[in-house]
């Protein structure tokens, strides 16, 4: 049996420098995102430069063609006279005069009364009893409050007690530790009929404050619509930078 002929080994070609460069480029392109971004940017920049260069060459060739055909304006070729002539412009222009007009006056209506009673005169400190007493008011059902008491380091007193709807009343406050301090006062006269508010508010902006002895008497008129024997009179006195005095008096009569 004859032996098969031996095949000659295929020689392995040594990669050229171009093959090596292509391999390195492919490897870096597939493995390095920053390299891909940089190469893309360079290619884009080269493309822009190439486009600008082509545009410039095209413009130069076009201008040369027009100049050879007599369409250019360089070298004294062609007629530069377009036949245009100067037009005499009008020296003045008419302007419209605005006729005189009268500004209308807006009539504002009168502001309704806030129905807040004016503050009464400040009584002397001697009007306040030395020792507050809890005196229940007369009349009315349910739990009754007191006519005077102490709260938050200060004392309070209602006069007269109990107070009657439609008549004047007073709230006396004293706290010697906070003389001349302004106060915020809220007083509720129980429950009022209709739409009348049974709550009065007195603020420092209205000038309410304790005197040099830490004393104040607030005078007001109990709302006429306050329902008798339904709810007690109550409220609070907030002394600026000081304590808050709360009170609950007898039912409104």
Protein backbone atom coordinates (compact mmCIF):
# COMPACT_ATOMS: atom_id res chain seq x y z
CA UNK A 1 0.00 0.00 0.00
CA UNK A 2 1.37 3.31 -1.04
CA UNK A 3 1.79 6.03 1.56
CA UNK A 4 -0.16 9.22 0.86
CA UNK A 5 1.96 12.14 -0.17
CA UNK A 6 2.92 14.50 2.59
CA UNK A 7 1.47 17.96 2.42
CA UNK A 8 3.71 20.88 2.77
CA UNK A 9 2.90 23.06 5.81
CA UNK A 10 1.28 26.34 5.01
CA UNK A 11 3.67 29.05 6.08
CA UNK A 12 2.23 31.53 8.61
CA UNK A 13 2.53 35.02 7.30
CA UNK A 14 3.98 37.48 9.74
CA UNK A 15 1.52 40.29 10.38
CA UNK A 16 2.53 43.57 8.87
CA UNK A 17 2.60 46.91 10.68
CA UNK A 18 -0.79 47.76 9.15
CA UNK A 19 -2.32 44.56 10.52
CA UNK A 20 -0.90 45.31 13.93
CA UNK A 21 -2.24 48.87 13.84
CA UNK A 22 -5.71 47.68 12.77
CA UNK A 23 -5.71 45.05 15.54
CA UNK A 24 -4.71 47.58 18.19
CA UNK A 25 -7.32 50.04 16.94
CA UNK A 26 -10.06 47.39 17.00
CA UNK A 27 -9.05 46.22 20.46
CA UNK A 28 -9.05 49.73 21.94
CA UNK A 29 -12.31 50.65 20.13
CA UNK A 30 -14.10 47.64 21.63
CA UNK A 31 -12.69 47.90 25.17
CA UNK A 32 -12.16 51.62 25.86
CA UNK A 33 -15.20 53.93 25.85
CA UNK A 34 -13.05 57.07 26.25
CA UNK A 35 -10.98 56.09 23.22
CA UNK A 36 -14.17 55.66 21.14
CA UNK A 37 -15.37 59.13 22.21
CA UNK A 38 -12.01 60.75 21.40
CA UNK A 39 -11.77 59.10 17.97
CA UNK A 40 -15.37 60.09 17.18
CA UNK A 41 -14.63 63.69 18.10
CA UNK A 42 -11.49 63.81 15.96
CA UNK A 43 -13.33 62.31 13.00
CA UNK A 44 -16.15 64.81 13.37
CA UNK A 45 -13.67 67.70 13.53
CA UNK A 46 -11.86 66.44 10.41
CA UNK A 47 -15.20 66.12 8.61
CA UNK A 48 -16.10 69.73 9.45
CA UNK A 49 -12.69 70.98 8.26
CA UNK A 50 -13.08 68.98 5.05
CA UNK A 51 -16.54 70.42 4.41
CA UNK A 52 -15.31 73.99 5.03
CA UNK A 53 -12.36 73.41 2.68
CA UNK A 54 -14.64 72.06 -0.06
CA UNK A 55 -16.96 75.03 0.37
CA UNK A 56 -14.05 77.46 0.06
CA UNK A 57 -12.71 75.70 -3.04
CA UNK A 58 -16.18 75.68 -4.59
CA UNK A 59 -16.62 79.41 -3.88
CA UNK A 60 -13.23 80.21 -5.42
CA UNK A 61 -14.01 78.22 -8.55
CA UNK A 62 -17.45 79.84 -8.86
CA UNK A 63 -16.07 83.38 -8.50
CA UNK A 64 -13.42 82.64 -11.11
CA UNK A 65 -16.08 81.34 -13.51
CA UNK A 66 -18.27 84.43 -13.04
CA UNK A 67 -15.28 86.74 -13.43
CA UNK A 68 -14.37 85.07 -16.73
CA UNK A 69 -17.96 85.45 -17.96
CA UNK A 70 -18.08 89.18 -17.09
CA UNK A 71 -20.37 88.76 -14.06
CA UNK A 72 -17.85 89.80 -11.43
CA UNK A 73 -17.14 93.21 -9.99
CA UNK A 74 -13.36 92.91 -9.77
CA UNK A 75 -10.74 94.10 -12.23
CA UNK A 76 -13.03 96.74 -13.74
CA UNK A 77 -15.14 94.09 -15.53
CA UNK A 78 -18.86 94.62 -16.04
CA UNK A 79 -21.07 97.65 -15.72
CA UNK A 80 -21.45 98.86 -12.14
CA UNK A 81 -24.16 101.38 -12.96
CA UNK A 82 -27.47 99.92 -11.85
CA UNK A 83 -29.54 102.88 -13.04
CA UNK A 84 -30.46 103.89 -9.49
CA UNK A 85 -31.10 107.56 -8.75
CA UNK A 86 -31.35 109.54 -5.50
CA UNK A 87 -34.88 110.21 -4.32
CA UNK A 88 -35.62 113.52 -2.63
CA UNK A 89 -36.80 112.57 0.84
CA UNK A 90 -39.49 114.54 2.61
CA UNK A 91 -37.92 116.92 5.13
CA UNK A 92 -40.71 116.75 7.69
CA UNK A 93 -43.25 114.15 8.70
CA UNK A 94 -46.72 114.96 10.06
CA UNK A 95 -47.34 113.90 13.65
CA UNK A 96 -50.68 113.33 15.26
CA UNK A 97 -51.54 115.48 18.27
CA UNK A 98 -53.30 113.69 21.12
CA UNK A 99 -56.38 115.67 22.22
CA UNK A 100 -56.60 116.60 25.92
CA UNK A 101 -58.53 114.21 28.12
CA UNK A 102 -59.84 114.24 31.68
CA UNK A 103 -58.87 111.60 34.21
CA UNK A 104 -61.94 110.19 35.87
CA UNK A 105 -62.11 110.13 39.67
CA UNK A 106 -62.80 106.87 41.43
CA UNK A 107 -65.33 107.26 44.21
CA UNK A 108 -64.54 104.99 47.15
CA UNK A 109 -67.26 103.96 49.51
CA UNK A 110 -67.11 104.54 53.22
CA UNK A 111 -65.49 101.86 55.37
CA UNK A 112 -68.01 100.28 57.76
CA UNK A 113 -67.51 100.57 61.48
CA UNK A 114 -65.63 97.64 63.01
CA UNK A 115 -68.10 97.71 65.93
CA UNK A 116 -65.18 97.35 68.35
CA UNK A 117 -65.90 99.42 71.46
CA UNK A 118 -63.37 102.15 72.26
CA UNK A 119 -61.07 101.59 75.24
CA UNK A 120 -62.23 103.04 78.49
CA UNK A 121 -60.24 105.11 80.97
CA UNK A 122 -57.56 103.37 82.99
CA UNK A 123 -58.44 103.20 86.63
CA UNK A 124 -55.98 103.52 89.50
CA UNK A 125 -54.35 100.42 90.96
CA UNK A 126 -56.31 100.90 94.18
CA UNK A 127 -59.44 99.69 92.39
CA UNK A 128 -58.09 96.16 92.24
CA UNK A 129 -58.56 94.12 95.42
CA UNK A 130 -55.36 93.16 97.20
CA UNK A 131 -56.32 89.47 97.34
CA UNK A 132 -58.27 88.04 94.37
CA UNK A 133 -61.38 86.15 95.40
CA UNK A 134 -63.32 83.55 93.49
CA UNK A 135 -66.85 84.89 93.66
CA UNK A 136 -69.35 82.98 91.54
CA UNK A 137 -71.83 84.97 89.50
CA UNK A 138 -75.56 84.71 89.99
CA UNK A 139 -78.15 83.24 87.63
CA UNK A 140 -77.87 80.75 84.80
CA UNK A 141 -77.52 77.00 84.73
CA UNK A 142 -74.45 74.84 84.45
CA UNK A 143 -70.98 75.39 85.95
CA UNK A 144 -70.23 78.94 86.91
CA UNK A 145 -66.85 80.71 86.64
CA UNK A 146 -65.27 83.17 89.03
CA UNK A 147 -65.36 86.97 89.17
CA UNK A 148 -61.61 87.19 89.87
CA UNK A 149 -58.56 85.05 90.16
CA UNK A 150 -54.87 84.55 89.43
CA UNK A 151 -53.25 82.97 86.37
CA UNK A 152 -49.76 82.93 84.87
CA UNK A 153 -48.33 85.06 87.70
CA UNK A 154 -50.89 87.88 87.25
CA UNK A 155 -54.37 88.64 88.62
CA UNK A 156 -57.67 89.43 86.87
CA UNK A 157 -61.10 90.69 87.86
CA UNK A 158 -64.46 91.19 86.09
CA UNK A 159 -66.56 94.22 87.03
CA UNK A 160 -69.54 94.07 87.41
CA UNK A 161 -69.90 90.35 87.92
CA UNK A 162 -71.79 88.72 86.35
CA UNK A 163 -71.93 90.97 83.31
CA UNK A 164 -75.13 91.70 81.35
CA UNK A 165 -75.69 91.79 77.58
CA UNK A 166 -76.00 95.29 76.14
CA UNK A 167 -74.34 96.89 79.19
CA UNK A 168 -70.79 98.03 79.88
CA UNK A 169 -68.25 95.92 81.70
CA UNK A 170 -64.58 95.95 82.63
CA UNK A 171 -61.68 93.52 82.82
CA UNK A 172 -58.95 94.49 85.29
CA UNK A 173 -55.44 93.03 84.87
CA UNK A 174 -52.37 93.46 87.06
CA UNK A 175 -48.88 91.98 86.90
CA UNK A 176 -46.26 94.24 88.51
CA UNK A 177 -43.37 92.23 87.02
CA UNK A 178 -44.29 93.41 83.49
CA UNK A 179 -44.97 97.12 83.89
CA UNK A 180 -45.43 99.08 80.63
CA UNK A 181 -45.57 95.88 78.55
CA UNK A 182 -48.06 95.72 75.68
CA UNK A 183 -50.84 93.13 75.75
CA UNK A 184 -53.01 91.08 73.40
CA UNK A 185 -56.49 90.50 74.85
CA UNK A 186 -59.19 88.14 73.60
CA UNK A 187 -62.62 88.15 75.30
CA UNK A 188 -65.51 85.81 74.44
CA UNK A 189 -69.00 86.71 75.68
CA UNK A 190 -70.42 83.23 75.28
CA UNK A 191 -72.82 82.72 72.39
CA UNK A 192 -74.46 85.45 70.29
CA UNK A 193 -77.63 85.15 68.20
CA UNK A 194 -77.58 85.77 64.46
CA UNK A 195 -74.30 86.63 62.75
CA UNK A 196 -72.97 88.89 65.51
CA UNK A 197 -69.51 87.94 66.78
CA UNK A 198 -69.25 87.36 70.50
CA UNK A 199 -65.44 87.64 70.54
CA UNK A 200 -63.51 90.92 70.91
CA UNK A 201 -59.80 91.32 70.15
CA UNK A 202 -57.56 94.08 71.52
CA UNK A 203 -53.96 94.33 70.22
CA UNK A 204 -50.82 96.37 70.99
CA UNK A 205 -51.35 98.19 67.70
CA UNK A 206 -54.45 99.72 69.28
CA UNK A 207 -52.40 101.03 72.19
CA UNK A 208 -53.29 98.50 74.90
CA UNK A 209 -50.57 98.05 77.53
CA UNK A 210 -49.97 97.85 81.28
CA UNK A 211 -49.12 101.08 83.08
CA UNK A 212 -46.04 101.77 85.19
CA UNK A 213 -47.47 99.66 88.02
CA UNK A 214 -48.33 96.74 85.75
CA UNK A 215 -52.05 97.62 85.94
CA UNK A 216 -54.75 97.96 83.28
CA UNK A 217 -58.54 98.23 83.22
CA UNK A 218 -60.21 97.46 79.88
CA UNK A 219 -63.76 98.82 79.49
CA UNK A 220 -66.16 97.51 76.82
CA UNK A 221 -69.83 96.95 76.02
CA UNK A 222 -71.18 93.40 76.19
CA UNK A 223 -72.83 92.56 72.84
CA UNK A 224 -76.61 93.06 72.87
CA UNK A 225 -77.00 89.74 71.00
CA UNK A 226 -75.17 87.73 73.71
CA UNK A 227 -77.59 85.03 74.91
CA UNK A 228 -78.12 84.98 78.68
CA UNK A 229 -77.41 81.86 80.72
CA UNK A 230 -75.98 79.94 77.71
CA UNK A 231 -72.19 80.15 78.06
CA UNK A 232 -69.73 81.80 80.46
CA UNK A 233 -67.56 84.80 79.70
CA UNK A 234 -63.95 83.76 79.10
CA UNK A 235 -60.72 84.95 77.55
CA UNK A 236 -56.97 85.36 77.78
CA UNK A 237 -54.45 88.16 78.19
CA UNK A 238 -51.05 87.63 76.56
CA UNK A 239 -48.39 89.99 77.96
CA UNK A 240 -45.63 90.69 75.43
CA UNK A 241 -42.46 88.79 76.47
CA UNK A 242 -44.42 87.64 79.52
CA UNK A 243 -47.00 85.11 80.71
CA UNK A 244 -50.51 84.48 79.45
CA UNK A 245 -53.37 85.08 81.89
CA UNK A 246 -56.52 83.03 81.23
CA UNK A 247 -59.89 83.53 82.93
CA UNK A 248 -63.43 82.13 82.98
CA UNK A 249 -66.25 84.18 84.46
CA UNK A 250 -69.95 83.56 85.16
CA UNK A 251 -72.59 83.17 82.45
CA UNK A 252 -73.62 86.33 80.63
CA UNK A 253 -76.93 87.64 82.02
